[in-house]
């Protein structure tokens, strides 16, 4: 009897299981699918974000490779465009801000002075300053130096800012052969001749073979009243330069010093040296006329000024001298 009861009970359980198993399985499947669907929508934004980040990272790597190739060929316009594309995705990326800013500066230097160059200098200043504010690794001294140059090339009214950034770069140990020359020129233009002279001397010590630098320094020495130092530098330029323009400018500077010192023979000798290379310089004949005028030889003076005007009909100074009453 017990066996029969157990068999009967087992059959009832089997029948009950058969009646209930299908709905339970279906419910479990529905619940599982619902859970998975919910997890999908919950995780989808993050998934899309990670996928987008991966795409951006891949684009960044490809752009870096392109920019490195462009740097090697000085294709600054391409660098500006490529870095700009990344900055559309990462507007506060200091690395690409600094890349674009540096490229904007050097591209501006490739152009003649004008509105296009000024616009690029302004863009370079904005990008580099943003990069410095956000924080850029290992480039701060160089970026400060480039900021100084960008402000210098912008215009005279920004010399104070240029000097400030140059000094900040120097305080961080940045070294550049031309930084002293920039400072010397700016202090000269600002009328601070003592500082200008000190920086010119530093620049000349670093670049003693730079004849244009020596000539600029000699002009400041004259302004400051140091004629002997000016003579030394200008004479060195005449002796060493192969550039006709620098040779002539140095000679005219020497002639003006000798004229001031009333050493007329030395002045005429310098002018004759220039004429041996190029006798068609209106300025040389003009200075020769000035020396003869100081020597009270008005006949030769006027002949020299007429020669200057024949070479350059628009030589205003020579024309004014010819119009003077003797």
C-alpha atoms as a PDB file:
ATOM      1  CA  UNK A   1       0.000   0.000   0.000  1.00  0.00           C
ATOM      2  CA  UNK A   2       2.794   2.407   0.845  1.00  0.00           C
ATOM      3  CA  UNK A   3       4.448   1.717  -2.471  1.00  0.00           C
ATOM      4  CA  UNK A   4       1.246   2.472  -4.305  1.00  0.00           C
ATOM      5  CA  UNK A   5       0.829   5.741  -2.418  1.00  0.00           C
ATOM      6  CA  UNK A   6       4.394   6.836  -3.320  1.00  0.00           C
ATOM      7  CA  UNK A   7       3.857   6.050  -6.968  1.00  0.00           C
ATOM      8  CA  UNK A   8       0.616   7.956  -6.974  1.00  0.00           C
ATOM      9  CA  UNK A   9       2.298  10.954  -5.292  1.00  0.00           C
ATOM     10  CA  UNK A  10       5.158  10.946  -7.798  1.00  0.00           C
ATOM     11  CA  UNK A  11       2.718  10.929 -10.706  1.00  0.00           C
ATOM     12  CA  UNK A  12       0.873  13.925  -9.218  1.00  0.00           C
ATOM     13  CA  UNK A  13       4.145  15.865  -8.782  1.00  0.00           C
ATOM     14  CA  UNK A  14       5.170  15.070 -12.357  1.00  0.00           C
ATOM     15  CA  UNK A  15       1.838  16.258 -13.629  1.00  0.00           C
ATOM     16  CA  UNK A  16       2.061  19.422 -11.558  1.00  0.00           C
ATOM     17  CA  UNK A  17       5.609  20.110 -12.783  1.00  0.00           C
ATOM     18  CA  UNK A  18       4.512  19.606 -16.350  1.00  0.00           C
ATOM     19  CA  UNK A  19       1.667  22.099 -15.852  1.00  0.00           C
ATOM     20  CA  UNK A  20       3.876  24.787 -14.196  1.00  0.00           C
ATOM     21  CA  UNK A  21       7.363  24.400 -15.739  1.00  0.00           C
ATOM     22  CA  UNK A  22       6.572  26.088 -19.050  1.00  0.00           C
ATOM     23  CA  UNK A  23       5.242  29.355 -17.549  1.00  0.00           C
ATOM     24  CA  UNK A  24       8.121  29.512 -15.072  1.00  0.00           C
ATOM     25  CA  UNK A  25      10.734  29.012 -17.760  1.00  0.00           C
ATOM     26  CA  UNK A  26       9.034  31.575 -19.939  1.00  0.00           C
ATOM     27  CA  UNK A  27       8.868  34.032 -17.062  1.00  0.00           C
ATOM     28  CA  UNK A  28      12.524  33.453 -16.280  1.00  0.00           C
ATOM     29  CA  UNK A  29      13.451  34.049 -19.901  1.00  0.00           C
ATOM     30  CA  UNK A  30      11.401  37.213 -20.004  1.00  0.00           C
ATOM     31  CA  UNK A  31      12.944  38.463 -16.777  1.00  0.00           C
ATOM     32  CA  UNK A  32      16.416  37.616 -18.046  1.00  0.00           C
ATOM     33  CA  UNK A  33      15.855  39.380 -21.340  1.00  0.00           C
ATOM     34  CA  UNK A  34      14.415  42.386 -19.560  1.00  0.00           C
ATOM     35  CA  UNK A  35      17.439  42.508 -17.281  1.00  0.00           C
ATOM     36  CA  UNK A  36      19.830  42.277 -20.192  1.00  0.00           C
ATOM     37  CA  UNK A  37      17.868  44.926 -22.116  1.00  0.00           C
ATOM     38  CA  UNK A  38      17.985  47.219 -19.102  1.00  0.00           C
ATOM     39  CA  UNK A  39      21.692  46.650 -18.662  1.00  0.00           C
ATOM     40  CA  UNK A  40      22.224  47.413 -22.356  1.00  0.00           C
ATOM     41  CA  UNK A  41      20.468  50.777 -22.156  1.00  0.00           C
ATOM     42  CA  UNK A  42      22.166  51.522 -18.880  1.00  0.00           C
ATOM     43  CA  UNK A  43      25.622  50.757 -20.264  1.00  0.00           C
ATOM     44  CA  UNK A  44      25.052  52.045 -23.806  1.00  0.00           C
ATOM     45  CA  UNK A  45      26.093  55.687 -23.100  1.00  0.00           C
ATOM     46  CA  UNK A  46      29.296  54.517 -21.452  1.00  0.00           C
ATOM     47  CA  UNK A  47      29.939  52.070 -24.250  1.00  0.00           C
ATOM     48  CA  UNK A  48      29.420  54.760 -26.866  1.00  0.00           C
ATOM     49  CA  UNK A  49      31.588  57.137 -24.857  1.00  0.00           C
ATOM     50  CA  UNK A  50      34.411  54.592 -24.645  1.00  0.00           C
ATOM     51  CA  UNK A  51      34.068  53.809 -28.344  1.00  0.00           C
ATOM     52  CA  UNK A  52      34.168  57.526 -29.168  1.00  0.00           C
ATOM     53  CA  UNK A  53      37.187  57.995 -26.903  1.00  0.00           C
ATOM     54  CA  UNK A  54      38.937  55.126 -28.633  1.00  0.00           C
ATOM     55  CA  UNK A  55      38.192  56.710 -32.013  1.00  0.00           C
ATOM     56  CA  UNK A  56      39.490  60.080 -30.797  1.00  0.00           C
ATOM     57  CA  UNK A  57      42.625  58.465 -29.387  1.00  0.00           C
ATOM     58  CA  UNK A  58      43.257  56.783 -32.721  1.00  0.00           C
ATOM     59  CA  UNK A  59      42.735  60.109 -34.517  1.00  0.00           C
ATOM     60  CA  UNK A  60      45.124  61.808 -32.085  1.00  0.00           C
ATOM     61  CA  UNK A  61      47.836  59.261 -32.768  1.00  0.00           C
ATOM     62  CA  UNK A  62      47.406  59.588 -36.535  1.00  0.00           C
ATOM     63  CA  UNK A  63      47.466  63.385 -36.279  1.00  0.00           C
ATOM     64  CA  UNK A  64      50.645  63.350 -34.198  1.00  0.00           C
ATOM     65  CA  UNK A  65      52.353  61.312 -36.902  1.00  0.00           C
ATOM     66  CA  UNK A  66      51.150  63.776 -39.575  1.00  0.00           C
ATOM     67  CA  UNK A  67      52.304  66.765 -37.547  1.00  0.00           C
ATOM     68  CA  UNK A  68      55.761  65.275 -36.987  1.00  0.00           C
ATOM     69  CA  UNK A  69      56.134  64.841 -40.740  1.00  0.00           C
ATOM     70  CA  UNK A  70      54.904  68.394 -41.337  1.00  0.00           C
ATOM     71  CA  UNK A  71      57.396  69.829 -38.804  1.00  0.00           C
ATOM     72  CA  UNK A  72      60.257  68.222 -40.701  1.00  0.00           C
ATOM     73  CA  UNK A  73      59.151  70.019 -43.883  1.00  0.00           C
ATOM     74  CA  UNK A  74      58.151  73.347 -42.248  1.00  0.00           C
ATOM     75  CA  UNK A  75      54.536  72.918 -43.415  1.00  0.00           C
ATOM     76  CA  UNK A  76      53.149  75.142 -40.711  1.00  0.00           C
ATOM     77  CA  UNK A  77      49.768  75.735 -42.371  1.00  0.00           C
ATOM     78  CA  UNK A  78      49.157  71.958 -42.362  1.00  0.00           C
ATOM     79  CA  UNK A  79      50.102  71.752 -38.686  1.00  0.00           C
ATOM     80  CA  UNK A  80      47.669  74.553 -37.846  1.00  0.00           C
ATOM     81  CA  UNK A  81      44.855  72.741 -39.676  1.00  0.00           C
ATOM     82  CA  UNK A  82      45.608  69.284 -38.227  1.00  0.00           C
ATOM     83  CA  UNK A  83      45.986  70.529 -34.670  1.00  0.00           C
ATOM     84  CA  UNK A  84      42.798  72.547 -35.098  1.00  0.00           C
ATOM     85  CA  UNK A  85      40.864  69.382 -36.014  1.00  0.00           C
ATOM     86  CA  UNK A  86      41.929  67.719 -32.765  1.00  0.00           C
ATOM     87  CA  UNK A  87      41.121  70.854 -30.788  1.00  0.00           C
ATOM     88  CA  UNK A  88      37.542  70.649 -32.082  1.00  0.00           C
ATOM     89  CA  UNK A  89      37.349  67.354 -30.154  1.00  0.00           C
ATOM     90  CA  UNK A  90      39.645  68.366 -27.299  1.00  0.00           C
ATOM     91  CA  UNK A  91      39.436  72.155 -27.001  1.00  0.00           C
ATOM     92  CA  UNK A  92      41.597  72.327 -23.876  1.00  0.00           C
ATOM     93  CA  UNK A  93      44.343  69.909 -24.893  1.00  0.00           C
ATOM     94  CA  UNK A  94      47.544  71.802 -23.931  1.00  0.00           C
ATOM     95  CA  UNK A  95      49.773  69.744 -26.233  1.00  0.00           C
ATOM     96  CA  UNK A  96      47.782  70.562 -29.373  1.00  0.00           C
ATOM     97  CA  UNK A  97      47.215  74.164 -28.266  1.00  0.00           C
ATOM     98  CA  UNK A  98      50.972  74.610 -27.978  1.00  0.00           C
ATOM     99  CA  UNK A  99      51.561  72.814 -31.313  1.00  0.00           C
ATOM    100  CA  UNK A 100      49.135  75.097 -33.095  1.00  0.00           C
ATOM    101  CA  UNK A 101      50.474  78.197 -31.348  1.00  0.00           C
ATOM    102  CA  UNK A 102      54.078  77.425 -32.298  1.00  0.00           C
ATOM    103  CA  UNK A 103      53.061  76.682 -35.893  1.00  0.00           C
ATOM    104  CA  UNK A 104      51.066  79.929 -36.070  1.00  0.00           C
ATOM    105  CA  UNK A 105      54.108  81.897 -34.944  1.00  0.00           C
ATOM    106  CA  UNK A 106      56.488  80.327 -37.473  1.00  0.00           C
ATOM    107  CA  UNK A 107      53.932  80.534 -40.274  1.00  0.00           C
ATOM    108  CA  UNK A 108      53.553  84.228 -39.463  1.00  0.00           C
ATOM    109  CA  UNK A 109      57.316  84.658 -39.703  1.00  0.00           C
ATOM    110  CA  UNK A 110      57.166  83.251 -43.240  1.00  0.00           C
ATOM    111  CA  UNK A 111      54.897  86.122 -44.283  1.00  0.00           C
ATOM    112  CA  UNK A 112      55.704  89.739 -44.970  1.00  0.00           C
ATOM    113  CA  UNK A 113      54.748  92.221 -42.271  1.00  0.00           C
ATOM    114  CA  UNK A 114      51.068  93.062 -42.562  1.00  0.00           C
ATOM    115  CA  UNK A 115      47.598  92.130 -41.387  1.00  0.00           C
ATOM    116  CA  UNK A 116      47.998  88.415 -42.135  1.00  0.00           C
ATOM    117  CA  UNK A 117      51.134  88.243 -40.037  1.00  0.00           C
ATOM    118  CA  UNK A 118      49.526  90.221 -37.199  1.00  0.00           C
ATOM    119  CA  UNK A 119      46.525  87.873 -37.162  1.00  0.00           C
ATOM    120  CA  UNK A 120      48.782  84.827 -36.906  1.00  0.00           C
ATOM    121  CA  UNK A 121      50.816  86.427 -34.120  1.00  0.00           C
ATOM    122  CA  UNK A 122      47.630  87.170 -32.195  1.00  0.00           C
ATOM    123  CA  UNK A 123      46.391  83.597 -32.685  1.00  0.00           C
ATOM    124  CA  UNK A 124      49.759  82.234 -31.569  1.00  0.00           C
ATOM    125  CA  UNK A 125      49.628  84.384 -28.430  1.00  0.00           C
ATOM    126  CA  UNK A 126      46.127  83.158 -27.541  1.00  0.00           C
ATOM    127  CA  UNK A 127      46.918  79.468 -28.098  1.00  0.00           C
ATOM    128  CA  UNK A 128      50.230  79.538 -26.254  1.00  0.00           C
ATOM    129  CA  UNK A 129      48.804  81.440 -23.297  1.00  0.00           C
ATOM    130  CA  UNK A 130      45.918  78.939 -23.060  1.00  0.00           C
ATOM    131  CA  UNK A 131      48.397  76.055 -23.086  1.00  0.00           C
ATOM    132  CA  UNK A 132      50.414  77.685 -20.303  1.00  0.00           C
ATOM    133  CA  UNK A 133      47.315  78.334 -18.187  1.00  0.00           C
ATOM    134  CA  UNK A 134      46.061  74.751 -18.576  1.00  0.00           C
ATOM    135  CA  UNK A 135      49.529  73.381 -17.948  1.00  0.00           C
ATOM    136  CA  UNK A 136      51.916  71.956 -20.500  1.00  0.00           C
ATOM    137  CA  UNK A 137      54.676  69.504 -19.661  1.00  0.00           C
ATOM    138  CA  UNK A 138      58.319  70.418 -20.259  1.00  0.00           C
ATOM    139  CA  UNK A 139      57.746  73.233 -22.751  1.00  0.00           C
ATOM    140  CA  UNK A 140      57.081  76.227 -20.529  1.00  0.00           C
ATOM    141  CA  UNK A 141      60.441  78.034 -21.024  1.00  0.00           C
ATOM    142  CA  UNK A 142      60.275  77.621 -24.813  1.00  0.00           C
ATOM    143  CA  UNK A 143      56.653  78.772 -24.936  1.00  0.00           C
ATOM    144  CA  UNK A 144      57.452  81.858 -22.836  1.00  0.00           C
ATOM    145  CA  UNK A 145      60.299  82.651 -25.229  1.00  0.00           C
ATOM    146  CA  UNK A 146      58.008  82.327 -28.266  1.00  0.00           C
ATOM    147  CA  UNK A 147      55.411  84.507 -26.542  1.00  0.00           C
ATOM    148  CA  UNK A 148      58.068  87.195 -26.195  1.00  0.00           C
ATOM    149  CA  UNK A 149      58.898  86.969 -29.894  1.00  0.00           C
ATOM    150  CA  UNK A 150      55.233  87.017 -30.914  1.00  0.00           C
ATOM    151  CA  UNK A 151      54.594  90.163 -28.879  1.00  0.00           C
ATOM    152  CA  UNK A 152      57.752  91.749 -30.352  1.00  0.00           C
ATOM    153  CA  UNK A 153      56.600  91.098 -33.910  1.00  0.00           C
ATOM    154  CA  UNK A 154      53.099  92.308 -33.125  1.00  0.00           C
ATOM    155  CA  UNK A 155      54.072  95.959 -32.686  1.00  0.00           C
ATOM    156  CA  UNK A 156      55.974  98.523 -30.632  1.00  0.00           C
ATOM    157  CA  UNK A 157      53.108  98.908 -28.162  1.00  0.00           C
ATOM    158  CA  UNK A 158      53.612  95.328 -26.956  1.00  0.00           C
ATOM    159  CA  UNK A 159      57.337  95.578 -26.189  1.00  0.00           C
ATOM    160  CA  UNK A 160      56.667  95.651 -22.433  1.00  0.00           C
ATOM    161  CA  UNK A 161      54.848  92.301 -22.658  1.00  0.00           C
ATOM    162  CA  UNK A 162      57.609  90.881 -24.871  1.00  0.00           C
ATOM    163  CA  UNK A 163      60.284  91.910 -22.355  1.00  0.00           C
ATOM    164  CA  UNK A 164      58.280  90.378 -19.499  1.00  0.00           C
ATOM    165  CA  UNK A 165      57.961  86.980 -21.210  1.00  0.00           C
ATOM    166  CA  UNK A 166      61.604  86.969 -22.340  1.00  0.00           C
ATOM    167  CA  UNK A 167      62.681  87.580 -18.747  1.00  0.00           C
ATOM    168  CA  UNK A 168      60.395  84.800 -17.501  1.00  0.00           C
ATOM    169  CA  UNK A 169      61.955  82.409 -20.015  1.00  0.00           C
ATOM    170  CA  UNK A 170      65.434  83.444 -18.892  1.00  0.00           C
ATOM    171  CA  UNK A 171      64.496  82.966 -15.225  1.00  0.00           C
ATOM    172  CA  UNK A 172      63.597  79.341 -16.040  1.00  0.00           C
ATOM    173  CA  UNK A 173      67.003  78.788 -17.628  1.00  0.00           C
ATOM    174  CA  UNK A 174      66.020  79.106 -21.282  1.00  0.00           C
ATOM    175  CA  UNK A 175      68.945  79.815 -23.612  1.00  0.00           C
ATOM    176  CA  UNK A 176      68.767  81.337 -27.079  1.00  0.00           C
ATOM    177  CA  UNK A 177      71.374  83.154 -29.151  1.00  0.00           C
ATOM    178  CA  UNK A 178      68.929  85.846 -30.254  1.00  0.00           C
ATOM    179  CA  UNK A 179      67.123  86.656 -27.006  1.00  0.00           C
ATOM    180  CA  UNK A 180      69.718  89.277 -25.999  1.00  0.00           C
ATOM    181  CA  UNK A 181      69.438  90.975 -29.372  1.00  0.00           C
ATOM    182  CA  UNK A 182      65.653  91.172 -29.054  1.00  0.00           C
ATOM    183  CA  UNK A 183      65.980  92.731 -25.615  1.00  0.00           C
ATOM    184  CA  UNK A 184      68.650  95.161 -26.847  1.00  0.00           C
ATOM    185  CA  UNK A 185      66.490  96.322 -29.759  1.00  0.00           C
ATOM    186  CA  UNK A 186      63.406  96.798 -27.609  1.00  0.00           C
ATOM    187  CA  UNK A 187      65.223  98.756 -24.919  1.00  0.00           C
ATOM    188  CA  UNK A 188      66.749 100.930 -27.653  1.00  0.00           C
ATOM    189  CA  UNK A 189      63.306 101.658 -29.081  1.00  0.00           C
ATOM    190  CA  UNK A 190      61.998 102.392 -25.587  1.00  0.00           C
ATOM    191  CA  UNK A 191      64.813 104.916 -25.102  1.00  0.00           C
ATOM    192  CA  UNK A 192      66.586 102.945 -22.358  1.00  0.00           C
ATOM    193  CA  UNK A 193      70.034 103.118 -23.948  1.00  0.00           C
ATOM    194  CA  UNK A 194      72.052 101.834 -20.990  1.00  0.00           C
ATOM    195  CA  UNK A 195      70.059  98.597 -20.868  1.00  0.00           C
ATOM    196  CA  UNK A 196      70.160  98.372 -24.648  1.00  0.00           C
ATOM    197  CA  UNK A 197      73.963  98.644 -24.665  1.00  0.00           C
ATOM    198  CA  UNK A 198      74.361  95.999 -21.959  1.00  0.00           C
ATOM    199  CA  UNK A 199      72.204  93.549 -23.906  1.00  0.00           C
ATOM    200  CA  UNK A 200      73.944  94.345 -27.201  1.00  0.00           C
ATOM    201  CA  UNK A 201      77.271  93.523 -25.573  1.00  0.00           C
ATOM    202  CA  UNK A 202      75.877  90.183 -24.393  1.00  0.00           C
ATOM    203  CA  UNK A 203      74.529  89.491 -27.885  1.00  0.00           C
ATOM    204  CA  UNK A 204      77.847  90.387 -29.545  1.00  0.00           C
ATOM    205  CA  UNK A 205      79.743  88.174 -27.099  1.00  0.00           C
ATOM    206  CA  UNK A 206      77.591  85.233 -28.208  1.00  0.00           C
ATOM    207  CA  UNK A 207      77.553  86.097 -31.935  1.00  0.00           C
ATOM    208  CA  UNK A 208      80.767  88.011 -32.719  1.00  0.00           C
ATOM    209  CA  UNK A 209      80.504  87.007 -36.395  1.00  0.00           C
ATOM    210  CA  UNK A 210      77.048  88.527 -36.839  1.00  0.00           C
ATOM    211  CA  UNK A 211      77.840  91.674 -38.811  1.00  0.00           C
ATOM    212  CA  UNK A 212      74.255  93.008 -38.795  1.00  0.00           C
ATOM    213  CA  UNK A 213      74.274  92.732 -35.010  1.00  0.00           C
ATOM    214  CA  UNK A 214      77.581  94.607 -34.776  1.00  0.00           C
ATOM    215  CA  UNK A 215      76.213  97.371 -36.970  1.00  0.00           C
ATOM    216  CA  UNK A 216      73.053  97.697 -34.838  1.00  0.00           C
ATOM    217  CA  UNK A 217      75.181  97.833 -31.702  1.00  0.00           C
ATOM    218  CA  UNK A 218      77.398 100.558 -33.160  1.00  0.00           C
ATOM    219  CA  UNK A 219      74.327 102.709 -33.851  1.00  0.00           C
ATOM    220  CA  UNK A 220      73.244 102.456 -30.231  1.00  0.00           C
ATOM    221  CA  UNK A 221      76.737 103.366 -29.050  1.00  0.00           C
ATOM    222  CA  UNK A 222      76.528 106.520 -31.150  1.00  0.00           C
ATOM    223  CA  UNK A 223      73.130 107.373 -29.669  1.00  0.00           C
ATOM    224  CA  UNK A 224      74.528 106.904 -26.186  1.00  0.00           C
ATOM    225  CA  UNK A 225      77.590 109.033 -26.966  1.00  0.00           C
ATOM    226  CA  UNK A 226      80.194 106.241 -27.068  1.00  0.00           C
ATOM    227  CA  UNK A 227      81.796 107.105 -30.402  1.00  0.00           C
ATOM    228  CA  UNK A 228      84.964 105.053 -29.921  1.00  0.00           C
ATOM    229  CA  UNK A 229      83.028 101.839 -29.330  1.00  0.00           C
ATOM    230  CA  UNK A 230      80.859 102.641 -32.336  1.00  0.00           C
ATOM    231  CA  UNK A 231      83.996 103.176 -34.448  1.00  0.00           C
ATOM    232  CA  UNK A 232      85.360  99.828 -33.308  1.00  0.00           C
ATOM    233  CA  UNK A 233      82.241  97.869 -34.244  1.00  0.00           C
ATOM    234  CA  UNK A 234      81.575  99.699 -37.535  1.00  0.00           C
ATOM    235  CA  UNK A 235      85.221  99.274 -38.622  1.00  0.00           C
ATOM    236  CA  UNK A 236      84.989  95.559 -37.866  1.00  0.00           C
ATOM    237  CA  UNK A 237      81.907  95.297 -40.078  1.00  0.00           C
ATOM    238  CA  UNK A 238      83.648  97.025 -42.994  1.00  0.00           C
ATOM    239  CA  UNK A 239      86.670  94.763 -42.640  1.00  0.00           C
ATOM    240  CA  UNK A 240      84.811  91.465 -42.359  1.00  0.00           C
ATOM    241  CA  UNK A 241      81.472  91.627 -44.152  1.00  0.00           C
ATOM    242  CA  UNK A 242      80.905  90.440 -47.697  1.00  0.00           C
ATOM    243  CA  UNK A 243      77.454  92.021 -47.759  1.00  0.00           C
ATOM    244  CA  UNK A 244      77.460  95.223 -49.812  1.00  0.00           C
ATOM    245  CA  UNK A 245      74.562  96.810 -47.921  1.00  0.00           C
ATOM    246  CA  UNK A 246      76.165  96.224 -44.506  1.00  0.00           C
ATOM    247  CA  UNK A 247      79.522  97.389 -45.874  1.00  0.00           C
ATOM    248  CA  UNK A 248      77.995 100.639 -47.099  1.00  0.00           C
ATOM    249  CA  UNK A 249      75.942 101.273 -43.955  1.00  0.00           C
ATOM    250  CA  UNK A 250      78.957 100.722 -41.730  1.00  0.00           C
ATOM    251  CA  UNK A 251      81.000 103.095 -43.885  1.00  0.00           C
ATOM    252  CA  UNK A 252      78.352 105.804 -43.750  1.00  0.00           C
ATOM    253  CA  UNK A 253      78.213 105.394 -39.985  1.00  0.00           C
ATOM    254  CA  UNK A 254      81.985 105.850 -39.770  1.00  0.00           C
ATOM    255  CA  UNK A 255      81.802 108.867 -42.070  1.00  0.00           C
ATOM    256  CA  UNK A 256      79.173 110.467 -39.834  1.00  0.00           C
ATOM    257  CA  UNK A 257      81.383 109.918 -36.774  1.00  0.00           C
ATOM    258  CA  UNK A 258      84.429 111.428 -38.515  1.00  0.00           C
ATOM    259  CA  UNK A 259      82.272 114.336 -39.656  1.00  0.00           C
ATOM    260  CA  UNK A 260      81.217 114.952 -36.058  1.00  0.00           C
ATOM    261  CA  UNK A 261      84.851 114.706 -34.916  1.00  0.00           C
ATOM    262  CA  UNK A 262      85.911 117.060 -37.749  1.00  0.00           C
ATOM    263  CA  UNK A 263      88.290 114.429 -39.094  1.00  0.00           C
ATOM    264  CA  UNK A 264      87.352 115.238 -42.688  1.00  0.00           C
ATOM    265  CA  UNK A 265      90.244 113.379 -44.322  1.00  0.00           C
ATOM    266  CA  UNK A 266      89.266 110.127 -42.587  1.00  0.00           C
ATOM    267  CA  UNK A 267      85.634 110.661 -43.580  1.00  0.00           C
ATOM    268  CA  UNK A 268      86.480 111.186 -47.255  1.00  0.00           C
ATOM    269  CA  UNK A 269      88.779 108.165 -47.215  1.00  0.00           C
ATOM    270  CA  UNK A 270      85.962 105.950 -45.921  1.00  0.00           C
ATOM    271  CA  UNK A 271      83.556 107.256 -48.573  1.00  0.00           C
ATOM    272  CA  UNK A 272      86.117 106.615 -51.320  1.00  0.00           C
ATOM    273  CA  UNK A 273      86.499 103.050 -50.037  1.00  0.00           C
ATOM    274  CA  UNK A 274      82.755 102.546 -50.442  1.00  0.00           C
ATOM    275  CA  UNK A 275      82.794 104.079 -53.934  1.00  0.00           C
ATOM    276  CA  UNK A 276      85.491 101.619 -54.976  1.00  0.00           C
ATOM    277  CA  UNK A 277      82.876  98.904 -54.550  1.00  0.00           C
ATOM    278  CA  UNK A 278      79.842 100.882 -55.683  1.00  0.00           C
ATOM    279  CA  UNK A 279      80.047 104.439 -56.981  1.00  0.00           C
ATOM    280  CA  UNK A 280      76.292 104.607 -57.539  1.00  0.00           C
ATOM    281  CA  UNK A 281      75.261 105.128 -53.949  1.00  0.00           C
ATOM    282  CA  UNK A 282      73.332 108.381 -53.553  1.00  0.00           C
ATOM    283  CA  UNK A 283      73.930 108.374 -49.786  1.00  0.00           C
ATOM    284  CA  UNK A 284      77.709 108.216 -50.235  1.00  0.00           C
ATOM    285  CA  UNK A 285      77.667 111.295 -52.475  1.00  0.00           C
ATOM    286  CA  UNK A 286      75.327 113.059 -50.051  1.00  0.00           C
ATOM    287  CA  UNK A 287      77.732 112.496 -47.135  1.00  0.00           C
ATOM    288  CA  UNK A 288      80.640 113.598 -49.300  1.00  0.00           C
ATOM    289  CA  UNK A 289      78.791 116.855 -49.893  1.00  0.00           C
ATOM    290  CA  UNK A 290      78.305 117.300 -46.134  1.00  0.00           C
ATOM    291  CA  UNK A 291      82.018 116.894 -45.513  1.00  0.00           C
ATOM    292  CA  UNK A 292      82.979 119.365 -48.263  1.00  0.00           C
ATOM    293  CA  UNK A 293      80.435 121.811 -46.874  1.00  0.00           C
ATOM    294  CA  UNK A 294      82.137 121.595 -43.466  1.00  0.00           C
ATOM    295  CA  UNK A 295      85.443 122.196 -45.242  1.00  0.00           C
ATOM    296  CA  UNK A 296      83.908 125.366 -46.780  1.00  0.00           C
ATOM    297  CA  UNK A 297      84.282 123.928 -50.281  1.00  0.00           C
ATOM    298  CA  UNK A 298      80.762 124.674 -51.494  1.00  0.00           C
ATOM    299  CA  UNK A 299      81.617 123.994 -55.128  1.00  0.00           C
ATOM    300  CA  UNK A 300      82.562 120.384 -54.439  1.00  0.00           C
ATOM    301  CA  UNK A 301      79.725 120.039 -51.937  1.00  0.00           C
ATOM    302  CA  UNK A 302      77.069 121.030 -54.481  1.00  0.00           C
ATOM    303  CA  UNK A 303      78.672 118.843 -57.137  1.00  0.00           C
ATOM    304  CA  UNK A 304      78.416 115.865 -54.764  1.00  0.00           C
ATOM    305  CA  UNK A 305      74.748 116.599 -53.986  1.00  0.00           C
ATOM    306  CA  UNK A 306      73.935 116.936 -57.694  1.00  0.00           C
ATOM    307  CA  UNK A 307      75.534 113.536 -58.231  1.00  0.00           C
ATOM    308  CA  UNK A 308      73.367 112.116 -55.424  1.00  0.00           C
ATOM    309  CA  UNK A 309      70.210 113.505 -57.052  1.00  0.00           C
ATOM    310  CA  UNK A 310      71.229 112.201 -60.473  1.00  0.00           C
ATOM    311  CA  UNK A 311      71.489 108.712 -58.969  1.00  0.00           C
ATOM    312  CA  UNK A 312      68.331 109.043 -56.870  1.00  0.00           C
ATOM    313  CA  UNK A 313      65.991 111.842 -57.986  1.00  0.00           C
ATOM    314  CA  UNK A 314      63.925 111.261 -54.834  1.00  0.00           C
ATOM    315  CA  UNK A 315      66.842 111.816 -52.437  1.00  0.00           C
ATOM    316  CA  UNK A 316      65.122 114.465 -50.318  1.00  0.00           C
ATOM    317  CA  UNK A 317      68.119 115.412 -48.174  1.00  0.00           C
ATOM    318  CA  UNK A 318      70.339 116.085 -51.185  1.00  0.00           C
ATOM    319  CA  UNK A 319      67.607 118.146 -52.855  1.00  0.00           C
ATOM    320  CA  UNK A 320      67.143 120.201 -49.700  1.00  0.00           C
ATOM    321  CA  UNK A 321      70.866 120.918 -49.616  1.00  0.00           C
ATOM    322  CA  UNK A 322      70.832 122.063 -53.245  1.00  0.00           C
ATOM    323  CA  UNK A 323      67.959 124.404 -52.413  1.00  0.00           C
ATOM    324  CA  UNK A 324      69.863 126.033 -49.571  1.00  0.00           C
ATOM    325  CA  UNK A 325      71.355 129.487 -50.199  1.00  0.00           C
ATOM    326  CA  UNK A 326      75.126 129.557 -50.027  1.00  0.00           C
END
